[in-house]
Amino acid sequence: MAWIYLVIAGVLEIGWAFSMKKSEGFTLITPTVITIVLMIASFALLSISMRTLPLGTAYTIWTGIGAVGAFVVGIAVLGEAANPMRLVAGGLIVSGIVMMKLSSAS
């Protein structure tokens, strides 16, 4: 169950990163409120997953899901650059997430 909470927390991190971008520096109320709510939910689920998962594993996977997800959303939704070096960097993050999961005993 901890892994499910961790994945949901990572997906919520993608959501709050996107809504933070849309808040225009916290000057727009709706995206700002969405950012705060998603942050709290993401942190709460991360905390719950850390009850059984090792700190390094949980935090690395949480940030990795958020980083890769925000990267993909940036390209797909916001029209950010998808040059070869950025794609390789994203691939390295994904490989690190997979290696961290495979190395975890929980």
N, C-alpha and C. Protein backbone atom coordinates (compact mmCIF):
# COMPACT_ATOMS: atom_id res chain seq x y z
N MET A 1 0.82 -1.20 0.00
CA MET A 1 0.00 0.00 0.00
C MET A 1 0.86 1.26 0.00
N ALA A 2 2.04 1.18 0.64
CA ALA A 2 2.93 2.35 0.71
C ALA A 2 3.35 2.80 -0.68
N TRP A 3 3.57 1.83 -1.58
CA TRP A 3 3.97 2.19 -2.94
C TRP A 3 2.85 2.92 -3.68
N ILE A 4 1.62 2.52 -3.44
CA ILE A 4 0.49 3.20 -4.08
C ILE A 4 0.41 4.64 -3.58
N TYR A 5 0.52 4.81 -2.26
CA TYR A 5 0.52 6.17 -1.70
C TYR A 5 1.65 7.01 -2.28
N LEU A 6 2.81 6.39 -2.43
CA LEU A 6 3.97 7.12 -2.94
C LEU A 6 3.76 7.55 -4.39
N VAL A 7 3.22 6.68 -5.21
CA VAL A 7 2.96 7.03 -6.61
C VAL A 7 1.92 8.14 -6.69
N ILE A 8 0.87 8.05 -5.90
CA ILE A 8 -0.16 9.10 -5.90
C ILE A 8 0.46 10.43 -5.44
N ALA A 9 1.31 10.37 -4.41
CA ALA A 9 1.99 11.58 -3.94
C ALA A 9 2.84 12.19 -5.04
N GLY A 10 3.51 11.35 -5.83
CA GLY A 10 4.31 11.84 -6.94
C GLY A 10 3.47 12.49 -8.02
N VAL A 11 2.32 11.89 -8.32
CA VAL A 11 1.42 12.46 -9.31
C VAL A 11 0.87 13.80 -8.82
N LEU A 12 0.56 13.87 -7.53
CA LEU A 12 0.10 15.14 -6.97
C LEU A 12 1.19 16.20 -7.03
N GLU A 13 2.44 15.78 -6.92
CA GLU A 13 3.55 16.73 -7.05
C GLU A 13 3.58 17.33 -8.45
N ILE A 14 3.32 16.50 -9.45
CA ILE A 14 3.24 17.01 -10.82
C ILE A 14 2.13 18.06 -10.91
N GLY A 15 0.99 17.75 -10.30
CA GLY A 15 -0.14 18.68 -10.31
C GLY A 15 0.18 20.00 -9.65
N TRP A 16 0.85 19.94 -8.48
CA TRP A 16 1.12 21.21 -7.81
C TRP A 16 2.21 22.00 -8.52
N ALA A 17 3.14 21.33 -9.16
CA ALA A 17 4.17 22.06 -9.92
C ALA A 17 3.51 22.80 -11.10
N PHE A 18 2.61 22.11 -11.78
CA PHE A 18 1.91 22.74 -12.90
C PHE A 18 1.04 23.90 -12.43
N SER A 19 0.28 23.69 -11.36
CA SER A 19 -0.59 24.78 -10.88
C SER A 19 0.23 25.94 -10.33
N MET A 20 1.42 25.65 -9.78
CA MET A 20 2.28 26.74 -9.33
C MET A 20 2.73 27.58 -10.52
N LYS A 21 3.08 26.93 -11.61
CA LYS A 21 3.46 27.64 -12.83
C LYS A 21 2.30 28.51 -13.30
N LYS A 22 1.09 27.97 -13.27
CA LYS A 22 -0.08 28.70 -13.73
C LYS A 22 -0.50 29.82 -12.76
N SER A 23 0.01 29.80 -11.53
CA SER A 23 -0.36 30.82 -10.55
C SER A 23 0.32 32.16 -10.80
N GLU A 24 1.27 32.16 -11.72
CA GLU A 24 2.02 33.39 -12.05
C GLU A 24 2.60 34.04 -10.81
N GLY A 25 3.41 33.26 -10.10
CA GLY A 25 4.06 33.79 -8.90
C GLY A 25 3.10 34.00 -7.75
N PHE A 26 2.09 33.15 -7.65
CA PHE A 26 1.06 33.21 -6.61
C PHE A 26 0.24 34.50 -6.67
N THR A 27 0.08 35.03 -7.89
CA THR A 27 -0.74 36.24 -8.06
C THR A 27 -2.17 35.91 -8.49
N LEU A 28 -2.41 34.67 -8.91
CA LEU A 28 -3.75 34.25 -9.29
C LEU A 28 -4.29 33.29 -8.22
N ILE A 29 -5.46 33.60 -7.68
CA ILE A 29 -5.95 32.91 -6.50
C ILE A 29 -6.28 31.44 -6.75
N THR A 30 -6.99 31.12 -7.83
CA THR A 30 -7.41 29.72 -8.03
C THR A 30 -6.22 28.78 -8.18
N PRO A 31 -5.26 29.06 -9.07
CA PRO A 31 -4.11 28.14 -9.16
C PRO A 31 -3.27 28.13 -7.87
N THR A 32 -3.26 29.23 -7.15
CA THR A 32 -2.52 29.27 -5.89
C THR A 32 -3.16 28.33 -4.87
N VAL A 33 -4.48 28.38 -4.75
CA VAL A 33 -5.19 27.49 -3.81
C VAL A 33 -5.00 26.04 -4.23
N ILE A 34 -5.11 25.76 -5.53
CA ILE A 34 -4.89 24.39 -6.02
C ILE A 34 -3.48 23.92 -5.68
N THR A 35 -2.51 24.79 -5.86
CA THR A 35 -1.12 24.45 -5.52
C THR A 35 -0.99 24.05 -4.06
N ILE A 36 -1.53 24.85 -3.18
CA ILE A 36 -1.41 24.60 -1.74
C ILE A 36 -2.11 23.30 -1.35
N VAL A 37 -3.32 23.08 -1.87
CA VAL A 37 -4.07 21.86 -1.54
C VAL A 37 -3.32 20.62 -2.04
N LEU A 38 -2.83 20.67 -3.28
CA LEU A 38 -2.10 19.53 -3.82
C LEU A 38 -0.78 19.29 -3.09
N MET A 39 -0.12 20.36 -2.68
CA MET A 39 1.13 20.21 -1.90
C MET A 39 0.85 19.49 -0.59
N ILE A 40 -0.16 19.92 0.11
CA ILE A 40 -0.48 19.31 1.40
C ILE A 40 -0.82 17.83 1.21
N ALA A 41 -1.63 17.53 0.22
CA ALA A 41 -2.00 16.13 -0.03
C ALA A 41 -0.78 15.31 -0.43
N SER A 42 0.08 15.87 -1.27
CA SER A 42 1.27 15.16 -1.70
C SER A 42 2.20 14.87 -0.52
N PHE A 43 2.44 15.88 0.30
CA PHE A 43 3.30 15.69 1.48
C PHE A 43 2.69 14.67 2.45
N ALA A 44 1.37 14.73 2.62
CA ALA A 44 0.72 13.79 3.54
C ALA A 44 0.89 12.35 3.06
N LEU A 45 0.66 12.11 1.78
CA LEU A 45 0.81 10.76 1.26
C LEU A 45 2.27 10.30 1.28
N LEU A 46 3.20 11.22 1.01
CA LEU A 46 4.62 10.88 1.13
C LEU A 46 4.93 10.47 2.56
N SER A 47 4.42 11.22 3.51
CA SER A 47 4.65 10.91 4.91
C SER A 47 4.11 9.54 5.29
N ILE A 48 2.92 9.23 4.81
CA ILE A 48 2.32 7.92 5.10
C ILE A 48 3.18 6.80 4.49
N SER A 49 3.64 7.01 3.26
CA SER A 49 4.46 5.97 2.62
C SER A 49 5.78 5.76 3.35
N MET A 50 6.29 6.81 3.98
CA MET A 50 7.56 6.71 4.70
C MET A 50 7.44 5.93 6.01
N ARG A 51 6.24 5.59 6.40
CA ARG A 51 6.09 4.75 7.59
C ARG A 51 6.73 3.39 7.37
N THR A 52 6.70 2.90 6.13
CA THR A 52 7.25 1.57 5.85
C THR A 52 8.40 1.59 4.85
N LEU A 53 8.45 2.60 3.98
CA LEU A 53 9.53 2.65 2.99
C LEU A 53 10.73 3.42 3.54
N PRO A 54 11.93 3.05 3.13
CA PRO A 54 13.11 3.80 3.56
C PRO A 54 13.05 5.25 3.06
N LEU A 55 13.58 6.16 3.84
CA LEU A 55 13.58 7.58 3.52
C LEU A 55 14.17 7.83 2.13
N GLY A 56 15.36 7.31 1.90
CA GLY A 56 16.04 7.56 0.62
C GLY A 56 15.24 7.06 -0.56
N THR A 57 14.66 5.90 -0.43
CA THR A 57 13.86 5.33 -1.51
C THR A 57 12.61 6.17 -1.75
N ALA A 58 11.85 6.43 -0.71
CA ALA A 58 10.60 7.16 -0.85
C ALA A 58 10.84 8.57 -1.41
N TYR A 59 11.78 9.28 -0.85
CA TYR A 59 12.01 10.65 -1.28
C TYR A 59 12.55 10.71 -2.70
N THR A 60 13.46 9.81 -3.04
CA THR A 60 14.01 9.79 -4.40
C THR A 60 12.93 9.49 -5.43
N ILE A 61 12.09 8.53 -5.15
CA ILE A 61 11.04 8.17 -6.10
C ILE A 61 10.00 9.28 -6.19
N TRP A 62 9.65 9.87 -5.07
CA TRP A 62 8.67 10.97 -5.06
C TRP A 62 9.17 12.14 -5.90
N THR A 63 10.40 12.56 -5.65
CA THR A 63 10.94 13.68 -6.42
C THR A 63 11.16 13.30 -7.88
N GLY A 64 11.52 12.05 -8.12
CA GLY A 64 11.73 11.61 -9.49
C GLY A 64 10.44 11.62 -10.30
N ILE A 65 9.37 11.11 -9.70
CA ILE A 65 8.06 11.14 -10.37
C ILE A 65 7.68 12.59 -10.65
N GLY A 66 7.86 13.44 -9.67
CA GLY A 66 7.52 14.86 -9.85
C GLY A 66 8.37 15.52 -10.92
N ALA A 67 9.67 15.24 -10.92
CA ALA A 67 10.57 15.86 -11.89
C ALA A 67 10.28 15.41 -13.31
N VAL A 68 10.16 14.10 -13.50
CA VAL A 68 9.89 13.58 -14.84
C VAL A 68 8.49 13.99 -15.29
N GLY A 69 7.53 13.91 -14.39
CA GLY A 69 6.17 14.32 -14.73
C GLY A 69 6.08 15.78 -15.11
N ALA A 70 6.73 16.64 -14.34
CA ALA A 70 6.72 18.07 -14.65
C ALA A 70 7.43 18.33 -15.98
N PHE A 71 8.49 17.57 -16.24
CA PHE A 71 9.21 17.67 -17.50
C PHE A 71 8.29 17.32 -18.67
N VAL A 72 7.56 16.22 -18.54
CA VAL A 72 6.64 15.78 -19.60
C VAL A 72 5.50 16.79 -19.77
N VAL A 73 4.92 17.25 -18.68
CA VAL A 73 3.85 18.25 -18.75
C VAL A 73 4.37 19.53 -19.39
N GLY A 74 5.58 19.92 -19.04
CA GLY A 74 6.17 21.12 -19.63
C GLY A 74 6.27 21.01 -21.14
N ILE A 75 6.68 19.85 -21.62
CA ILE A 75 6.80 19.65 -23.06
C ILE A 75 5.42 19.52 -23.71
N ALA A 76 4.58 18.65 -23.14
CA ALA A 76 3.29 18.34 -23.77
C ALA A 76 2.26 19.45 -23.66
N VAL A 77 2.25 20.15 -22.53
CA VAL A 77 1.19 21.14 -22.29
C VAL A 77 1.68 22.57 -22.47
N LEU A 78 2.89 22.84 -22.02
CA LEU A 78 3.39 24.21 -22.04
C LEU A 78 4.30 24.53 -23.22
N GLY A 79 4.57 23.52 -24.05
CA GLY A 79 5.38 23.76 -25.25
C GLY A 79 6.85 24.00 -24.98
N GLU A 80 7.36 23.47 -23.88
CA GLU A 80 8.78 23.64 -23.58
C GLU A 80 9.63 22.77 -24.50
N ALA A 81 10.91 23.10 -24.60
CA ALA A 81 11.83 22.41 -25.51
C ALA A 81 12.00 20.94 -25.14
N ALA A 82 12.13 20.11 -26.16
CA ALA A 82 12.39 18.68 -25.97
C ALA A 82 13.65 18.31 -26.73
N ASN A 83 14.75 18.99 -26.42
CA ASN A 83 15.99 18.72 -27.14
C ASN A 83 16.63 17.42 -26.64
N PRO A 84 17.55 16.86 -27.40
CA PRO A 84 18.12 15.55 -27.05
C PRO A 84 18.73 15.49 -25.64
N MET A 85 19.43 16.51 -25.21
CA MET A 85 20.06 16.48 -23.89
C MET A 85 19.02 16.42 -22.78
N ARG A 86 17.94 17.18 -22.93
CA ARG A 86 16.86 17.15 -21.93
C ARG A 86 16.19 15.78 -21.90
N LEU A 87 16.00 15.17 -23.08
CA LEU A 87 15.38 13.85 -23.14
C LEU A 87 16.27 12.79 -22.49
N VAL A 88 17.57 12.88 -22.72
CA VAL A 88 18.50 11.94 -22.07
C VAL A 88 18.46 12.14 -20.56
N ALA A 89 18.46 13.39 -20.10
CA ALA A 89 18.40 13.67 -18.66
C ALA A 89 17.12 13.08 -18.05
N GLY A 90 15.99 13.24 -18.74
CA GLY A 90 14.74 12.64 -18.26
C GLY A 90 14.83 11.13 -18.20
N GLY A 91 15.45 10.54 -19.19
CA GLY A 91 15.65 9.09 -19.21
C GLY A 91 16.53 8.61 -18.06
N LEU A 92 17.54 9.38 -17.73
CA LEU A 92 18.40 9.03 -16.60
C LEU A 92 17.64 9.09 -15.28
N ILE A 93 16.77 10.07 -15.15
CA ILE A 93 15.96 10.16 -13.93
C ILE A 93 15.05 8.94 -13.83
N VAL A 94 14.41 8.56 -14.93
CA VAL A 94 13.54 7.38 -14.93
C VAL A 94 14.35 6.14 -14.58
N SER A 95 15.54 5.99 -15.14
CA SER A 95 16.35 4.81 -14.82
C SER A 95 16.74 4.80 -13.34
N GLY A 96 16.99 5.97 -12.78
CA GLY A 96 17.29 6.05 -11.35
C GLY A 96 16.11 5.64 -10.49
N ILE A 97 14.91 6.05 -10.90
CA ILE A 97 13.70 5.65 -10.17
C ILE A 97 13.53 4.14 -10.20
N VAL A 98 13.71 3.55 -11.38
CA VAL A 98 13.58 2.10 -11.52
C VAL A 98 14.62 1.38 -10.67
N MET A 99 15.86 1.84 -10.70
CA MET A 99 16.92 1.22 -9.90
C MET A 99 16.63 1.34 -8.42
N MET A 100 16.11 2.48 -7.98
CA MET A 100 15.79 2.68 -6.57
C MET A 100 14.66 1.72 -6.15
N LYS A 101 13.66 1.56 -6.99
CA LYS A 101 12.56 0.63 -6.68
C LYS A 101 13.08 -0.80 -6.60
N LEU A 102 13.91 -1.18 -7.56
CA LEU A 102 14.44 -2.55 -7.58
C LEU A 102 15.36 -2.84 -6.39
N SER A 103 15.99 -1.80 -5.88
CA SER A 103 16.92 -2.00 -4.77
C SER A 103 16.24 -1.98 -3.40
N SER A 104 14.95 -1.62 -3.39
CA SER A 104 14.22 -1.51 -2.13
C SER A 104 13.69 -2.86 -1.70
N ALA A 105 13.85 -3.16 -0.42
CA ALA A 105 13.36 -4.43 0.14
C ALA A 105 11.85 -4.39 0.39
N SER A 106 11.28 -3.20 0.58
CA SER A 106 9.85 -3.07 0.91
C SER A 106 8.98 -3.18 -0.30
